[in-house]
ModelCIF file with pLDDT and N, C-alpha, C, O atoms, coordinates in Angstrom:
data_MODEL
#
_entry.id   MODEL 
#
_entity.id                         1 
_entity.type                       polymer 
_entity.pdbx_number_of_molecules   1 
#
_entity_poly.entity_id                      1 
_entity_poly.type                           'polypeptide(L)' 
_entity_poly.nstd_linkage                   no 
_entity_poly.nstd_monomer                   no 
_entity_poly.pdbx_seq_one_letter_code       RAFVYQSAKELAEEKPPNTARQALMNALALIEKHNLEIKFT 
_entity_poly.pdbx_seq_one_letter_code_can   RAFVYQSAKELAEEKPPNTARQALMNALALIEKHNLEIKFT 
_entity_poly.pdbx_strand_id                 A 
#
loop_
_entity_poly_seq.entity_id 
_entity_poly_seq.num 
_entity_poly_seq.mon_id 
_entity_poly_seq.hetero 
1 1  ARG n 
1 2  ALA n 
1 3  PHE n 
1 4  VAL n 
1 5  TYR n 
1 6  GLN n 
1 7  SER n 
1 8  ALA n 
1 9  LYS n 
1 10 GLU n 
1 11 LEU n 
1 12 ALA n 
1 13 GLU n 
1 14 GLU n 
1 15 LYS n 
1 16 PRO n 
1 17 PRO n 
1 18 ASN n 
1 19 THR n 
1 20 ALA n 
1 21 ARG n 
1 22 GLN n 
1 23 ALA n 
1 24 LEU n 
1 25 MET n 
1 26 ASN n 
1 27 ALA n 
1 28 LEU n 
1 29 ALA n 
1 30 LEU n 
1 31 ILE n 
1 32 GLU n 
1 33 LYS n 
1 34 HIS n 
1 35 ASN n 
1 36 LEU n 
1 37 GLU n 
1 38 ILE n 
1 39 LYS n 
1 40 PHE n 
1 41 THR n 
#
_struct_asym.id          A 
_struct_asym.entity_id   1 
#
loop_
_ma_qa_metric.id 
_ma_qa_metric.mode 
_ma_qa_metric.name 
_ma_qa_metric.software_group_id 
_ma_qa_metric.type 
1 global pLDDT . pLDDT 
2 local  pLDDT . pLDDT 
#
_ma_qa_metric_global.metric_id      1 
_ma_qa_metric_global.metric_value   93.56 
_ma_qa_metric_global.model_id       1 
_ma_qa_metric_global.ordinal_id     1 
#
loop_
_ma_qa_metric_local.label_asym_id 
_ma_qa_metric_local.label_comp_id 
_ma_qa_metric_local.label_seq_id 
_ma_qa_metric_local.metric_id 
_ma_qa_metric_local.metric_value 
_ma_qa_metric_local.model_id 
_ma_qa_metric_local.ordinal_id 
A ARG 1  2 93.00 1 1  
A ALA 2  2 92.00 1 2  
A PHE 3  2 93.00 1 3  
A VAL 4  2 94.00 1 4  
A TYR 5  2 93.00 1 5  
A GLN 6  2 95.00 1 6  
A SER 7  2 95.00 1 7  
A ALA 8  2 94.00 1 8  
A LYS 9  2 94.00 1 9  
A GLU 10 2 94.00 1 10 
A LEU 11 2 93.00 1 11 
A ALA 12 2 91.00 1 12 
A GLU 13 2 92.00 1 13 
A GLU 14 2 92.00 1 14 
A LYS 15 2 89.00 1 15 
A PRO 16 2 89.00 1 16 
A PRO 17 2 88.00 1 17 
A ASN 18 2 89.00 1 18 
A THR 19 2 89.00 1 19 
A ALA 20 2 90.00 1 20 
A ARG 21 2 92.00 1 21 
A GLN 22 2 93.00 1 22 
A ALA 23 2 93.00 1 23 
A LEU 24 2 94.00 1 24 
A MET 25 2 95.00 1 25 
A ASN 26 2 94.00 1 26 
A ALA 27 2 95.00 1 27 
A LEU 28 2 96.00 1 28 
A ALA 29 2 95.00 1 29 
A LEU 30 2 95.00 1 30 
A ILE 31 2 96.00 1 31 
A GLU 32 2 96.00 1 32 
A LYS 33 2 95.00 1 33 
A HIS 34 2 94.00 1 34 
A ASN 35 2 95.00 1 35 
A LEU 36 2 95.00 1 36 
A GLU 37 2 96.00 1 37 
A ILE 38 2 97.00 1 38 
A LYS 39 2 97.00 1 39 
A PHE 40 2 97.00 1 40 
A THR 41 2 97.00 1 41 
#
loop_
_atom_site.group_PDB 
_atom_site.id 
_atom_site.type_symbol 
_atom_site.label_atom_id 
_atom_site.label_alt_id 
_atom_site.label_comp_id 
_atom_site.label_asym_id 
_atom_site.label_entity_id 
_atom_site.label_seq_id 
_atom_site.pdbx_PDB_ins_code 
_atom_site.Cartn_x 
_atom_site.Cartn_y 
_atom_site.Cartn_z 
_atom_site.occupancy 
_atom_site.B_iso_or_equiv 
_atom_site.pdbx_formal_charge 
_atom_site.auth_seq_id 
_atom_site.auth_comp_id 
_atom_site.auth_asym_id 
_atom_site.auth_atom_id 
_atom_site.pdbx_PDB_model_num 
ATOM 1   N N  . ARG A 1 1  ? -2.175 -12.403 -3.112  1.00 93.00 ? 1  ARG A N  1 
ATOM 2   C CA . ARG A 1 1  ? -1.101 -11.522 -3.558  1.00 93.00 ? 1  ARG A CA 1 
ATOM 3   C C  . ARG A 1 1  ? -1.508 -10.713 -4.784  1.00 93.00 ? 1  ARG A C  1 
ATOM 4   O O  . ARG A 1 1  ? -1.228 -9.516  -4.847  1.00 93.00 ? 1  ARG A O  1 
ATOM 5   N N  . ALA A 1 2  ? -2.153 -11.332 -5.746  1.00 92.00 ? 2  ALA A N  1 
ATOM 6   C CA . ALA A 1 2  ? -2.544 -10.640 -6.983  1.00 92.00 ? 2  ALA A CA 1 
ATOM 7   C C  . ALA A 1 2  ? -3.487 -9.485  -6.694  1.00 92.00 ? 2  ALA A C  1 
ATOM 8   O O  . ALA A 1 2  ? -3.375 -8.428  -7.316  1.00 92.00 ? 2  ALA A O  1 
ATOM 9   N N  . PHE A 1 3  ? -4.412 -9.667  -5.763  1.00 93.00 ? 3  PHE A N  1 
ATOM 10  C CA . PHE A 1 3  ? -5.360 -8.600  -5.414  1.00 93.00 ? 3  PHE A CA 1 
ATOM 11  C C  . PHE A 1 3  ? -4.649 -7.433  -4.724  1.00 93.00 ? 3  PHE A C  1 
ATOM 12  O O  . PHE A 1 3  ? -4.921 -6.269  -5.019  1.00 93.00 ? 3  PHE A O  1 
ATOM 13  N N  . VAL A 1 4  ? -3.745 -7.752  -3.811  1.00 94.00 ? 4  VAL A N  1 
ATOM 14  C CA . VAL A 1 4  ? -3.007 -6.711  -3.090  1.00 94.00 ? 4  VAL A CA 1 
ATOM 15  C C  . VAL A 1 4  ? -2.064 -5.991  -4.055  1.00 94.00 ? 4  VAL A C  1 
ATOM 16  O O  . VAL A 1 4  ? -1.915 -4.771  -3.987  1.00 94.00 ? 4  VAL A O  1 
ATOM 17  N N  . TYR A 1 5  ? -1.426 -6.751  -4.955  1.00 93.00 ? 5  TYR A N  1 
ATOM 18  C CA . TYR A 1 5  ? -0.537 -6.149  -5.940  1.00 93.00 ? 5  TYR A CA 1 
ATOM 19  C C  . TYR A 1 5  ? -1.302 -5.187  -6.857  1.00 93.00 ? 5  TYR A C  1 
ATOM 20  O O  . TYR A 1 5  ? -0.823 -4.091  -7.148  1.00 93.00 ? 5  TYR A O  1 
ATOM 21  N N  . GLN A 1 6  ? -2.481 -5.596  -7.307  1.00 95.00 ? 6  GLN A N  1 
ATOM 22  C CA . GLN A 1 6  ? -3.306 -4.732  -8.153  1.00 95.00 ? 6  GLN A CA 1 
ATOM 23  C C  . GLN A 1 6  ? -3.703 -3.464  -7.404  1.00 95.00 ? 6  GLN A C  1 
ATOM 24  O O  . GLN A 1 6  ? -3.702 -2.379  -7.985  1.00 95.00 ? 6  GLN A O  1 
ATOM 25  N N  . SER A 1 7  ? -4.035 -3.585  -6.145  1.00 95.00 ? 7  SER A N  1 
ATOM 26  C CA . SER A 1 7  ? -4.372 -2.417  -5.326  1.00 95.00 ? 7  SER A CA 1 
ATOM 27  C C  . SER A 1 7  ? -3.177 -1.487  -5.191  1.00 95.00 ? 7  SER A C  1 
ATOM 28  O O  . SER A 1 7  ? -3.331 -0.266  -5.231  1.00 95.00 ? 7  SER A O  1 
ATOM 29  N N  . ALA A 1 8  ? -1.981 -2.060  -5.028  1.00 94.00 ? 8  ALA A N  1 
ATOM 30  C CA . ALA A 1 8  ? -0.765 -1.246  -4.918  1.00 94.00 ? 8  ALA A CA 1 
ATOM 31  C C  . ALA A 1 8  ? -0.522 -0.480  -6.209  1.00 94.00 ? 8  ALA A C  1 
ATOM 32  O O  . ALA A 1 8  ? -0.127 0.686   -6.187  1.00 94.00 ? 8  ALA A O  1 
ATOM 33  N N  . LYS A 1 9  ? -0.760 -1.140  -7.322  1.00 94.00 ? 9  LYS A N  1 
ATOM 34  C CA . LYS A 1 9  ? -0.576 -0.503  -8.623  1.00 94.00 ? 9  LYS A CA 1 
ATOM 35  C C  . LYS A 1 9  ? -1.558 0.656   -8.812  1.00 94.00 ? 9  LYS A C  1 
ATOM 36  O O  . LYS A 1 9  ? -1.176 1.735   -9.266  1.00 94.00 ? 9  LYS A O  1 
ATOM 37  N N  . GLU A 1 10 ? -2.819 0.425   -8.462  1.00 94.00 ? 10 GLU A N  1 
ATOM 38  C CA . GLU A 1 10 ? -3.841 1.473   -8.576  1.00 94.00 ? 10 GLU A CA 1 
ATOM 39  C C  . GLU A 1 10 ? -3.539 2.640   -7.641  1.00 94.00 ? 10 GLU A C  1 
ATOM 40  O O  . GLU A 1 10 ? -3.706 3.802   -8.013  1.00 94.00 ? 10 GLU A O  1 
ATOM 41  N N  . LEU A 1 11 ? -3.101 2.329   -6.443  1.00 93.00 ? 11 LEU A N  1 
ATOM 42  C CA . LEU A 1 11 ? -2.771 3.369   -5.471  1.00 93.00 ? 11 LEU A CA 1 
ATOM 43  C C  . LEU A 1 11 ? -1.570 4.198   -5.930  1.00 93.00 ? 11 LEU A C  1 
ATOM 44  O O  . LEU A 1 11 ? -1.532 5.410   -5.717  1.00 93.00 ? 11 LEU A O  1 
ATOM 45  N N  . ALA A 1 12 ? -0.593 3.548   -6.559  1.00 91.00 ? 12 ALA A N  1 
ATOM 46  C CA . ALA A 1 12 ? 0.586  4.263   -7.065  1.00 91.00 ? 12 ALA A CA 1 
ATOM 47  C C  . ALA A 1 12 ? 0.208  5.209   -8.202  1.00 91.00 ? 12 ALA A C  1 
ATOM 48  O O  . ALA A 1 12 ? 0.835  6.256   -8.369  1.00 91.00 ? 12 ALA A O  1 
ATOM 49  N N  . GLU A 1 13 ? -0.802 4.853   -8.980  1.00 92.00 ? 13 GLU A N  1 
ATOM 50  C CA . GLU A 1 13 ? -1.258 5.743   -10.042 1.00 92.00 ? 13 GLU A CA 1 
ATOM 51  C C  . GLU A 1 13 ? -2.001 6.942   -9.467  1.00 92.00 ? 13 GLU A C  1 
ATOM 52  O O  . GLU A 1 13 ? -1.877 8.063   -9.962  1.00 92.00 ? 13 GLU A O  1 
ATOM 53  N N  . GLU A 1 14 ? -2.774 6.692   -8.416  1.00 92.00 ? 14 GLU A N  1 
ATOM 54  C CA . GLU A 1 14 ? -3.552 7.760   -7.782  1.00 92.00 ? 14 GLU A CA 1 
ATOM 55  C C  . GLU A 1 14 ? -2.669 8.683   -6.946  1.00 92.00 ? 14 GLU A C  1 
ATOM 56  O O  . GLU A 1 14 ? -2.774 9.907   -7.031  1.00 92.00 ? 14 GLU A O  1 
ATOM 57  N N  . LYS A 1 15 ? -1.807 8.084   -6.147  1.00 89.00 ? 15 LYS A N  1 
ATOM 58  C CA . LYS A 1 15 ? -0.906 8.841   -5.269  1.00 89.00 ? 15 LYS A CA 1 
ATOM 59  C C  . LYS A 1 15 ? 0.502  8.289   -5.434  1.00 89.00 ? 15 LYS A C  1 
ATOM 60  O O  . LYS A 1 15 ? 0.907  7.404   -4.680  1.00 89.00 ? 15 LYS A O  1 
ATOM 61  N N  . PRO A 1 16 ? 1.255  8.797   -6.409  1.00 89.00 ? 16 PRO A N  1 
ATOM 62  C CA . PRO A 1 16 ? 2.597  8.263   -6.657  1.00 89.00 ? 16 PRO A CA 1 
ATOM 63  C C  . PRO A 1 16 ? 3.515  8.436   -5.442  1.00 89.00 ? 16 PRO A C  1 
ATOM 64  O O  . PRO A 1 16 ? 3.581  9.521   -4.865  1.00 89.00 ? 16 PRO A O  1 
ATOM 65  N N  . PRO A 1 17 ? 4.219  7.376   -5.055  1.00 88.00 ? 17 PRO A N  1 
ATOM 66  C CA . PRO A 1 17 ? 5.120  7.464   -3.901  1.00 88.00 ? 17 PRO A CA 1 
ATOM 67  C C  . PRO A 1 17 ? 6.451  8.126   -4.259  1.00 88.00 ? 17 PRO A C  1 
ATOM 68  O O  . PRO A 1 17 ? 7.467  7.449   -4.413  1.00 88.00 ? 17 PRO A O  1 
ATOM 69  N N  . ASN A 1 18 ? 6.436  9.439   -4.390  1.00 89.00 ? 18 ASN A N  1 
ATOM 70  C CA . ASN A 1 18 ? 7.645  10.180  -4.741  1.00 89.00 ? 18 ASN A CA 1 
ATOM 71  C C  . ASN A 1 18 ? 8.542  10.438  -3.539  1.00 89.00 ? 18 ASN A C  1 
ATOM 72  O O  . ASN A 1 18 ? 9.694  10.842  -3.701  1.00 89.00 ? 18 ASN A O  1 
ATOM 73  N N  . THR A 1 19 ? 8.029  10.212  -2.343  1.00 89.00 ? 19 THR A N  1 
ATOM 74  C CA . THR A 1 19 ? 8.817  10.380  -1.125  1.00 89.00 ? 19 THR A CA 1 
ATOM 75  C C  . THR A 1 19 ? 8.692  9.116   -0.278  1.00 89.00 ? 19 THR A C  1 
ATOM 76  O O  . THR A 1 19 ? 7.769  8.322   -0.461  1.00 89.00 ? 19 THR A O  1 
ATOM 77  N N  . ALA A 1 20 ? 9.619  8.944   0.640   1.00 90.00 ? 20 ALA A N  1 
ATOM 78  C CA . ALA A 1 20 ? 9.572  7.783   1.529   1.00 90.00 ? 20 ALA A CA 1 
ATOM 79  C C  . ALA A 1 20 ? 8.303  7.803   2.373   1.00 90.00 ? 20 ALA A C  1 
ATOM 80  O O  . ALA A 1 20 ? 7.722  6.755   2.656   1.00 90.00 ? 20 ALA A O  1 
ATOM 81  N N  . ARG A 1 21 ? 7.883  8.983   2.769   1.00 92.00 ? 21 ARG A N  1 
ATOM 82  C CA . ARG A 1 21 ? 6.677  9.103   3.597   1.00 92.00 ? 21 ARG A CA 1 
ATOM 83  C C  . ARG A 1 21 ? 5.436  8.672   2.830   1.00 92.00 ? 21 ARG A C  1 
ATOM 84  O O  . ARG A 1 21 ? 4.577  7.982   3.381   1.00 92.00 ? 21 ARG A O  1 
ATOM 85  N N  . GLN A 1 22 ? 5.329  9.071   1.556   1.00 93.00 ? 22 GLN A N  1 
ATOM 86  C CA . GLN A 1 22 ? 4.172  8.673   0.746   1.00 93.00 ? 22 GLN A CA 1 
ATOM 87  C C  . GLN A 1 22 ? 4.176  7.170   0.493   1.00 93.00 ? 22 GLN A C  1 
ATOM 88  O O  . GLN A 1 22 ? 3.116  6.544   0.478   1.00 93.00 ? 22 GLN A O  1 
ATOM 89  N N  . ALA A 1 23 ? 5.357  6.582   0.292   1.00 93.00 ? 23 ALA A N  1 
ATOM 90  C CA . ALA A 1 23 ? 5.449  5.134   0.111   1.00 93.00 ? 23 ALA A CA 1 
ATOM 91  C C  . ALA A 1 23 ? 4.981  4.404   1.367   1.00 93.00 ? 23 ALA A C  1 
ATOM 92  O O  . ALA A 1 23 ? 4.284  3.393   1.274   1.00 93.00 ? 23 ALA A O  1 
ATOM 93  N N  . LEU A 1 24 ? 5.360  4.907   2.535   1.00 94.00 ? 24 LEU A N  1 
ATOM 94  C CA . LEU A 1 24 ? 4.910  4.312   3.793   1.00 94.00 ? 24 LEU A CA 1 
ATOM 95  C C  . LEU A 1 24 ? 3.396  4.427   3.935   1.00 94.00 ? 24 LEU A C  1 
ATOM 96  O O  . LEU A 1 24 ? 2.733  3.471   4.336   1.00 94.00 ? 24 LEU A O  1 
ATOM 97  N N  . MET A 1 25 ? 2.849  5.596   3.606   1.00 95.00 ? 25 MET A N  1 
ATOM 98  C CA . MET A 1 25 ? 1.389  5.781   3.699   1.00 95.00 ? 25 MET A CA 1 
ATOM 99  C C  . MET A 1 25 ? 0.668  4.857   2.723   1.00 95.00 ? 25 MET A C  1 
ATOM 100 O O  . MET A 1 25 ? -0.390 4.323   3.057   1.00 95.00 ? 25 MET A O  1 
ATOM 101 N N  . ASN A 1 26 ? 1.214  4.656   1.529   1.00 94.00 ? 26 ASN A N  1 
ATOM 102 C CA . ASN A 1 26 ? 0.604  3.739   0.569   1.00 94.00 ? 26 ASN A CA 1 
ATOM 103 C C  . ASN A 1 26 ? 0.645  2.298   1.091   1.00 94.00 ? 26 ASN A C  1 
ATOM 104 O O  . ASN A 1 26 ? -0.333 1.563   0.954   1.00 94.00 ? 26 ASN A O  1 
ATOM 105 N N  . ALA A 1 27 ? 1.771  1.891   1.687   1.00 95.00 ? 27 ALA A N  1 
ATOM 106 C CA . ALA A 1 27 ? 1.881  0.540   2.233   1.00 95.00 ? 27 ALA A CA 1 
ATOM 107 C C  . ALA A 1 27 ? 0.871  0.326   3.359   1.00 95.00 ? 27 ALA A C  1 
ATOM 108 O O  . ALA A 1 27 ? 0.219  -0.716  3.422   1.00 95.00 ? 27 ALA A O  1 
ATOM 109 N N  . LEU A 1 28 ? 0.743  1.303   4.237   1.00 96.00 ? 28 LEU A N  1 
ATOM 110 C CA . LEU A 1 28 ? -0.221 1.176   5.340   1.00 96.00 ? 28 LEU A CA 1 
ATOM 111 C C  . LEU A 1 28 ? -1.657 1.193   4.824   1.00 96.00 ? 28 LEU A C  1 
ATOM 112 O O  . LEU A 1 28 ? -2.521 0.520   5.385   1.00 96.00 ? 28 LEU A O  1 
ATOM 113 N N  . ALA A 1 29 ? -1.919 1.950   3.767   1.00 95.00 ? 29 ALA A N  1 
ATOM 114 C CA . ALA A 1 29 ? -3.256 1.969   3.165   1.00 95.00 ? 29 ALA A CA 1 
ATOM 115 C C  . ALA A 1 29 ? -3.605 0.597   2.584   1.00 95.00 ? 29 ALA A C  1 
ATOM 116 O O  . ALA A 1 29 ? -4.748 0.152   2.692   1.00 95.00 ? 29 ALA A O  1 
ATOM 117 N N  . LEU A 1 30 ? -2.641 -0.066  1.979   1.00 95.00 ? 30 LEU A N  1 
ATOM 118 C CA . LEU A 1 30 ? -2.869 -1.423  1.459   1.00 95.00 ? 30 LEU A CA 1 
ATOM 119 C C  . LEU A 1 30 ? -3.193 -2.395  2.585   1.00 95.00 ? 30 LEU A C  1 
ATOM 120 O O  . LEU A 1 30 ? -4.109 -3.211  2.478   1.00 95.00 ? 30 LEU A O  1 
ATOM 121 N N  . ILE A 1 31 ? -2.428 -2.294  3.664   1.00 96.00 ? 31 ILE A N  1 
ATOM 122 C CA . ILE A 1 31 ? -2.643 -3.185  4.804   1.00 96.00 ? 31 ILE A CA 1 
ATOM 123 C C  . ILE A 1 31 ? -4.041 -2.983  5.377   1.00 96.00 ? 31 ILE A C  1 
ATOM 124 O O  . ILE A 1 31 ? -4.730 -3.947  5.711   1.00 96.00 ? 31 ILE A O  1 
ATOM 125 N N  . GLU A 1 32 ? -4.451 -1.735  5.486   1.00 96.00 ? 32 GLU A N  1 
ATOM 126 C CA . GLU A 1 32 ? -5.779 -1.438  6.022   1.00 96.00 ? 32 GLU A CA 1 
ATOM 127 C C  . GLU A 1 32 ? -6.890 -1.868  5.051   1.00 96.00 ? 32 GLU A C  1 
ATOM 128 O O  . GLU A 1 32 ? -7.890 -2.450  5.470   1.00 96.00 ? 32 GLU A O  1 
ATOM 129 N N  . LYS A 1 33 ? -6.715 -1.585  3.777   1.00 95.00 ? 33 LYS A N  1 
ATOM 130 C CA . LYS A 1 33 ? -7.745 -1.898  2.777   1.00 95.00 ? 33 LYS A CA 1 
ATOM 131 C C  . LYS A 1 33 ? -8.047 -3.389  2.723   1.00 95.00 ? 33 LYS A C  1 
ATOM 132 O O  . LYS A 1 33 ? -9.204 -3.785  2.587   1.00 95.00 ? 33 LYS A O  1 
ATOM 133 N N  . HIS A 1 34 ? -7.019 -4.210  2.829   1.00 94.00 ? 34 HIS A N  1 
ATOM 134 C CA . HIS A 1 34 ? -7.203 -5.658  2.724   1.00 94.00 ? 34 HIS A CA 1 
ATOM 135 C C  . HIS A 1 34 ? -7.323 -6.335  4.087   1.00 94.00 ? 34 HIS A C  1 
ATOM 136 O O  . HIS A 1 34 ? -7.268 -7.560  4.193   1.00 94.00 ? 34 HIS A O  1 
ATOM 137 N N  . ASN A 1 35 ? -7.489 -5.519  5.126   1.00 95.00 ? 35 ASN A N  1 
ATOM 138 C CA . ASN A 1 35 ? -7.714 -6.031  6.474   1.00 95.00 ? 35 ASN A CA 1 
ATOM 139 C C  . ASN A 1 35 ? -6.622 -7.021  6.896   1.00 95.00 ? 35 ASN A C  1 
ATOM 140 O O  . ASN A 1 35 ? -6.907 -8.101  7.413   1.00 95.00 ? 35 ASN A O  1 
ATOM 141 N N  . LEU A 1 36 ? -5.378 -6.626  6.663   1.00 95.00 ? 36 LEU A N  1 
ATOM 142 C CA . LEU A 1 36 ? -4.239 -7.460  7.017   1.00 95.00 ? 36 LEU A CA 1 
ATOM 143 C C  . LEU A 1 36 ? -3.710 -7.056  8.386   1.00 95.00 ? 36 LEU A C  1 
ATOM 144 O O  . LEU A 1 36 ? -3.843 -5.905  8.802   1.00 95.00 ? 36 LEU A O  1 
ATOM 145 N N  . GLU A 1 37 ? -3.121 -7.998  9.067   1.00 96.00 ? 37 GLU A N  1 
ATOM 146 C CA . GLU A 1 37 ? -2.567 -7.760  10.398  1.00 96.00 ? 37 GLU A CA 1 
ATOM 147 C C  . GLU A 1 37 ? -1.041 -7.784  10.326  1.00 96.00 ? 37 GLU A C  1 
ATOM 148 O O  . GLU A 1 37 ? -0.450 -8.731  9.807   1.00 96.00 ? 37 GLU A O  1 
ATOM 149 N N  . ILE A 1 38 ? -0.417 -6.745  10.847  1.00 97.00 ? 38 ILE A N  1 
ATOM 150 C CA . ILE A 1 38 ? 1.043  -6.648  10.834  1.00 97.00 ? 38 ILE A CA 1 
ATOM 151 C C  . ILE A 1 38 ? 1.614  -7.574  11.903  1.00 97.00 ? 38 ILE A C  1 
ATOM 152 O O  . ILE A 1 38 ? 1.287  -7.458  13.084  1.00 97.00 ? 38 ILE A O  1 
ATOM 153 N N  . LYS A 1 39 ? 2.474  -8.494  11.469  1.00 97.00 ? 39 LYS A N  1 
ATOM 154 C CA . LYS A 1 39 ? 3.113  -9.424  12.394  1.00 97.00 ? 39 LYS A CA 1 
ATOM 155 C C  . LYS A 1 39 ? 4.555  -9.034  12.711  1.00 97.00 ? 39 LYS A C  1 
ATOM 156 O O  . LYS A 1 39 ? 5.064  -9.335  13.791  1.00 97.00 ? 39 LYS A O  1 
ATOM 157 N N  . PHE A 1 40 ? 5.205  -8.366  11.765  1.00 97.00 ? 40 PHE A N  1 
ATOM 158 C CA . PHE A 1 40 ? 6.595  -7.965  11.948  1.00 97.00 ? 40 PHE A CA 1 
ATOM 159 C C  . PHE A 1 40 ? 6.843  -6.706  11.130  1.00 97.00 ? 40 PHE A C  1 
ATOM 160 O O  . PHE A 1 40 ? 6.343  -6.576  10.012  1.00 97.00 ? 40 PHE A O  1 
ATOM 161 N N  . THR A 1 41 ? 7.615  -5.780  11.689  1.00 97.00 ? 41 THR A N  1 
ATOM 162 C CA . THR A 1 41 ? 7.965  -4.536  11.002  1.00 97.00 ? 41 THR A CA 1 
ATOM 163 C C  . THR A 1 41 ? 9.451  -4.279  11.169  1.00 97.00 ? 41 THR A C  1 
ATOM 164 O O  . THR A 1 41 ? 9.965  -3.279  10.667  1.00 97.00 ? 41 THR A O  1 
#
């Protein structure tokens, strides 16, 4: 969790989620970066 949280923080600084679409893209980027598998959406 700490690693993913830190990545989310860094990503928010680089690409601030000012819109719902950008927040979704940031969430999906985190999932991809940490090689996580989506089980429920």
